[in-house]
Protein backbone atom coordinates (compact mmCIF):
# COMPACT_ATOMS: atom_id res chain seq x y z
CA MET A 1 19.64 -54.36 -27.20
CA ARG A 2 23.37 -54.97 -27.04
CA ILE A 3 24.49 -58.20 -25.41
CA PHE A 4 27.56 -57.94 -23.20
CA GLY A 5 30.59 -59.66 -24.66
CA ASP A 6 29.44 -59.65 -28.30
CA GLY A 7 32.96 -58.80 -29.46
CA LYS A 8 34.73 -61.33 -27.25
CA SER A 9 36.02 -64.80 -28.01
CA GLY A 10 34.11 -67.75 -26.60
CA ALA A 11 36.61 -68.44 -23.82
CA ALA A 12 36.76 -64.74 -22.89
CA LYS A 13 32.97 -64.56 -22.67
CA VAL A 14 32.86 -67.52 -20.30
CA HIS A 15 35.67 -66.10 -18.17
CA SER A 16 34.03 -62.67 -17.97
CA ILE A 17 30.66 -64.16 -17.01
CA GLU A 18 32.27 -66.23 -14.27
CA VAL A 19 34.15 -63.24 -12.82
CA MET A 20 31.06 -61.01 -12.79
CA GLN A 21 28.87 -63.73 -11.29
CA GLU A 22 31.37 -64.49 -8.53
CA VAL A 23 31.93 -60.88 -7.49
CA LYS A 24 28.17 -60.24 -7.57
CA ALA A 25 27.52 -63.37 -5.46
CA TYR A 26 30.15 -62.25 -2.92
CA TRP A 27 28.59 -58.77 -2.70
CA GLU A 28 25.11 -60.29 -2.27
CA GLY A 29 26.45 -62.43 0.59
CA LEU A 30 27.69 -59.29 2.38
CA ARG A 31 24.28 -57.64 2.36
CA ASP A 32 22.92 -59.81 5.20
CA GLY A 33 19.51 -58.18 5.26
CA ASP A 34 20.76 -54.68 4.35
CA SER A 35 20.24 -53.11 0.97
CA ILE A 36 23.90 -51.99 0.71
CA PRO A 37 26.85 -53.74 2.46
CA TYR A 38 29.68 -51.92 4.20
CA ARG A 39 33.19 -51.42 2.85
CA SER A 40 34.63 -52.74 6.11
CA ASP A 41 32.91 -56.08 5.47
CA VAL A 42 34.91 -56.71 2.27
CA ASP A 43 37.60 -59.32 3.01
CA PRO A 44 40.15 -59.84 0.18
CA ARG A 45 40.92 -63.31 1.51
CA ARG A 46 37.39 -64.38 0.57
CA ILE A 47 37.85 -63.42 -3.08
CA GLN A 48 41.41 -64.57 -3.78
CA LYS A 49 40.50 -65.79 -7.28
CA LEU A 50 39.02 -62.39 -8.14
CA LEU A 51 41.80 -60.12 -6.90
CA LYS A 52 43.29 -59.82 -10.40
CA HIS A 53 40.02 -58.21 -11.52
CA ALA A 54 38.58 -56.57 -8.37
CA PHE A 55 38.95 -52.95 -7.28
CA ILE A 56 37.42 -50.47 -4.82
CA LEU A 57 36.40 -46.90 -5.66
CA GLU A 58 35.77 -43.90 -3.42
CA ARG A 59 33.43 -41.09 -4.47
CA ILE A 60 35.28 -37.76 -4.42
CA ALA A 61 32.78 -35.53 -6.27
CA PRO A 62 29.59 -35.91 -8.30
CA GLY A 63 30.41 -38.31 -11.13
CA LEU A 64 34.02 -38.78 -9.97
CA ALA A 65 35.64 -41.63 -8.03
CA ARG A 66 39.23 -42.57 -7.33
CA LEU A 67 40.77 -45.99 -6.90
CA ARG A 68 41.42 -46.89 -3.29
CA VAL A 69 42.34 -50.47 -4.24
CA SER A 70 43.45 -51.26 -7.80
CA CYS A 71 44.06 -54.59 -9.56
CA ASN A 72 46.48 -56.23 -12.00
CA THR A 73 44.06 -55.94 -14.91
CA LEU A 74 43.99 -52.15 -14.58
CA SER A 75 47.77 -51.99 -14.12
CA ASP A 76 48.27 -54.04 -17.30
CA VAL A 77 46.12 -51.85 -19.55
CA MET A 78 47.32 -48.55 -18.06
CA GLY A 79 50.96 -49.51 -17.62
CA MET A 80 51.04 -48.22 -14.04
CA ASP A 81 49.64 -48.70 -10.55
CA MET A 82 46.38 -46.77 -10.57
CA ARG A 83 45.89 -46.49 -6.81
CA GLY A 84 44.83 -42.96 -5.96
CA MET A 85 43.99 -42.09 -9.57
CA PRO A 86 40.50 -41.22 -10.81
CA MET A 87 38.75 -44.10 -12.53
CA SER A 88 37.99 -41.76 -15.43
CA ALA A 89 41.69 -42.00 -16.41
CA LEU A 90 40.73 -45.33 -17.98
CA ILE A 91 38.11 -43.67 -20.21
CA ASN A 92 38.54 -41.66 -23.42
CA GLY A 93 37.56 -38.01 -23.20
CA ASP A 94 34.46 -38.40 -25.39
CA SER A 95 32.99 -40.96 -22.96
CA ARG A 96 33.96 -39.45 -19.62
CA GLU A 97 30.76 -37.50 -19.11
CA SER A 98 28.68 -40.62 -19.78
CA PHE A 99 30.92 -42.68 -17.51
CA GLY A 100 30.55 -40.11 -14.74
CA GLU A 101 26.78 -40.22 -15.11
CA VAL A 102 26.80 -43.99 -14.63
CA LEU A 103 29.05 -43.71 -11.57
CA GLU A 104 26.75 -41.13 -10.00
CA LYS A 105 23.69 -43.33 -10.58
CA VAL A 106 25.41 -46.26 -8.85
CA PHE A 107 26.11 -44.06 -5.81
CA SER A 108 22.91 -42.05 -5.67
CA ALA A 109 20.15 -44.43 -6.78
CA PRO A 110 21.83 -46.62 -5.49
CA ALA A 111 22.14 -49.13 -8.30
CA VAL A 112 24.14 -52.05 -9.61
CA GLY A 113 25.89 -51.12 -12.85
CA ARG A 114 27.39 -53.08 -15.72
CA LEU A 115 29.41 -51.41 -18.44
CA GLU A 116 30.71 -52.48 -21.84
CA LEU A 117 34.00 -50.91 -22.95
CA THR A 118 36.02 -50.92 -26.18
CA SER A 119 39.42 -49.47 -27.02
CA ARG A 120 40.41 -47.83 -30.29
CA ARG A 121 43.08 -49.38 -32.49
CA SER A 122 44.60 -48.32 -35.80
CA PHE A 123 46.41 -50.01 -38.70
CA GLY A 124 44.04 -52.96 -38.75
CA ARG A 125 44.63 -53.96 -35.13
CA THR A 126 41.63 -55.25 -33.20
CA GLY A 127 40.67 -53.16 -30.20
CA LEU A 128 40.28 -54.49 -26.68
CA GLN A 129 36.88 -55.50 -25.31
CA GLY A 130 36.15 -54.85 -21.64
CA GLU A 131 33.36 -55.45 -19.17
CA MET A 132 32.95 -53.79 -15.79
CA MET A 133 30.63 -54.34 -12.85
CA LEU A 134 30.00 -51.68 -10.19
CA LEU A 135 28.46 -52.63 -6.82
CA PRO A 136 27.76 -49.89 -4.24
CA LEU A 137 29.13 -50.01 -0.68
CA ARG A 138 28.66 -47.94 2.46
CA SER A 139 31.47 -46.27 4.39
CA ASP A 140 31.63 -46.60 8.18
CA SER A 141 29.45 -43.48 8.41
CA GLY A 142 26.70 -45.27 6.47
CA GLU A 143 27.01 -43.08 3.37
CA VAL A 144 26.99 -44.87 0.00
CA ASN A 145 30.30 -43.55 -1.31
CA ARG A 146 32.31 -46.68 -2.11
CA ILE A 147 32.10 -49.21 -4.94
CA LEU A 148 33.27 -52.79 -5.17
CA GLY A 149 34.07 -53.29 -8.85
CA ALA A 150 35.38 -55.90 -11.23
CA ILE A 151 36.81 -55.60 -14.74
CA THR A 152 37.77 -58.11 -17.43
CA ILE A 153 39.65 -57.33 -20.66
CA ASP A 154 39.82 -59.43 -23.81
CA GLY A 155 42.54 -58.90 -26.41
CA ASP A 156 46.26 -58.27 -26.63
CA VAL A 157 47.33 -55.20 -24.69
CA GLY A 158 49.52 -53.04 -26.88
CA ARG A 159 51.37 -49.91 -25.92
CA SER A 160 50.00 -48.64 -22.63
CA PRO A 161 48.11 -46.74 -21.51
CA GLU A 162 45.00 -48.13 -23.19
CA ARG A 163 41.86 -46.06 -22.85
CA PHE A 164 38.30 -47.10 -23.52
CA ASP A 165 35.04 -45.82 -24.93
CA LEU A 166 31.80 -46.55 -23.11
CA GLU A 167 29.71 -48.67 -25.50
CA GLY A 168 26.81 -49.51 -23.21
CA SER A 169 25.70 -49.37 -19.59
CA PHE A 170 22.92 -51.14 -17.75
CA LEU A 171 21.67 -50.16 -14.30
CA ARG A 172 19.33 -51.73 -11.78
CA ARG A 173 18.08 -49.75 -8.82
CA ILE A 174 18.48 -51.48 -5.45
CA GLU A 175 15.18 -51.28 -3.60
CA ALA A 176 15.55 -53.95 -0.90
CA ALA A 177 17.88 -56.60 0.47
CA SER A 178 16.77 -59.00 -2.23
CA GLU A 179 17.45 -57.86 -5.76
CA ASN A 180 15.44 -60.66 -7.39
CA SER A 181 13.31 -58.61 -9.75
CA SER A 182 11.68 -59.25 -13.09
CA GLU A 183 12.52 -55.74 -14.28
CA PRO A 184 15.11 -55.60 -17.09
CA VAL A 185 18.67 -54.58 -16.23
CA ALA A 186 18.52 -51.81 -18.84
CA THR A 187 16.13 -49.63 -16.83
CA ILE A 188 15.93 -47.69 -13.60
CA LEU A 189 12.39 -47.50 -12.29
CA ARG A 190 10.93 -44.41 -10.67
CA PRO A 191 8.34 -45.35 -8.01
CA GLN A 192 4.79 -44.77 -9.15
CA LYS A 193 2.85 -42.05 -7.31
CA ILE A 194 -0.58 -43.29 -6.27
CA SER A 195 -3.31 -40.82 -5.34
CA MET A 196 -6.55 -41.92 -3.63
CA PRO A 197 -9.62 -40.16 -5.13
CA GLN A 198 -12.39 -38.87 -2.84
CA PHE A 199 -15.46 -41.09 -2.57
CA ASP A 200 -18.21 -39.94 -4.95
CA PRO A 201 -21.53 -41.86 -4.67
CA ALA A 202 -22.67 -40.75 -8.11
CA ALA A 203 -19.46 -41.83 -9.75
CA GLN A 204 -19.53 -45.08 -7.79
CA SER A 205 -23.03 -45.91 -8.99
CA ALA A 206 -22.13 -45.13 -12.57
CA LYS A 207 -19.14 -47.44 -12.23
CA ALA A 208 -17.14 -45.30 -14.61
CA PRO A 209 -14.02 -47.13 -15.84
CA LYS A 210 -10.70 -45.83 -14.60
CA ALA A 211 -8.33 -44.29 -17.11
CA PRO A 212 -5.45 -46.64 -17.93
CA VAL A 213 -2.03 -45.86 -16.46
CA GLN A 214 0.20 -44.37 -19.12
CA THR A 215 3.83 -45.48 -19.32
CA THR A 216 6.27 -43.42 -21.35
CA LEU A 217 9.99 -43.43 -22.03
CA ALA A 218 11.63 -40.26 -20.75
CA PRO A 219 14.47 -39.06 -23.01
CA THR A 220 17.88 -38.87 -21.41
CA LYS A 221 21.00 -36.98 -22.35
CA HIS A 222 22.87 -40.14 -23.27
CA ALA A 223 21.52 -42.87 -25.50
CA HIS A 224 22.95 -45.69 -23.38
CA LEU A 225 20.77 -44.70 -20.38
CA ARG A 226 16.99 -45.02 -20.30
CA LEU A 227 14.49 -44.23 -17.57
CA VAL A 228 11.05 -45.77 -17.48
CA VAL A 229 8.58 -43.25 -16.05
CA THR A 230 5.08 -44.25 -14.95
CA ASP A 231 2.57 -41.39 -15.00
CA SER A 232 -0.18 -41.46 -12.38
């Protein structure tokens, strides 16, 4: 399994971890007993230290979202203010379908997403390393169609715009107000279907052992996404 930040310097790893932890902690504080907080609850004054890295997305179509609020980090790598632009403008063409799939999972599951990004460089130049967190939000209508996000970039920004490949993505489905779960971040769990068999006295007396539950890995279209499926 890839570890986020493998290509980053020590200081950049620490900085990225701190940013992601702080934005996640702020989002958790907004939940207040709900599984997904509301966009209207987000107060920029409460996350002053994160504003360089924080952004807000709006879902405009399946797998597509535009920036309602951008940040300096995105402006630096793209060489422009990205407000109103689709977030996919940051991603190379080969990775856009995968990126859109991750976005849609964050909205529809809903799920918390973390992404690892790299940029391409030539002539011996080291590419940029990026990390992104995506946290779902509700609009005033209650629909999950917003995202509070954060992004960190490590490396020297060259000629803009810089675009990135999606190297890895990890998703965790949000089931309840508390997300404390022992399940790994790299999976989305489908709820197990439980059927109650009819009472059979003969079978009961024989005490026949139950067949073990079989767990299989369902193949997905993209290697960076995996679904764990439990067969009943």
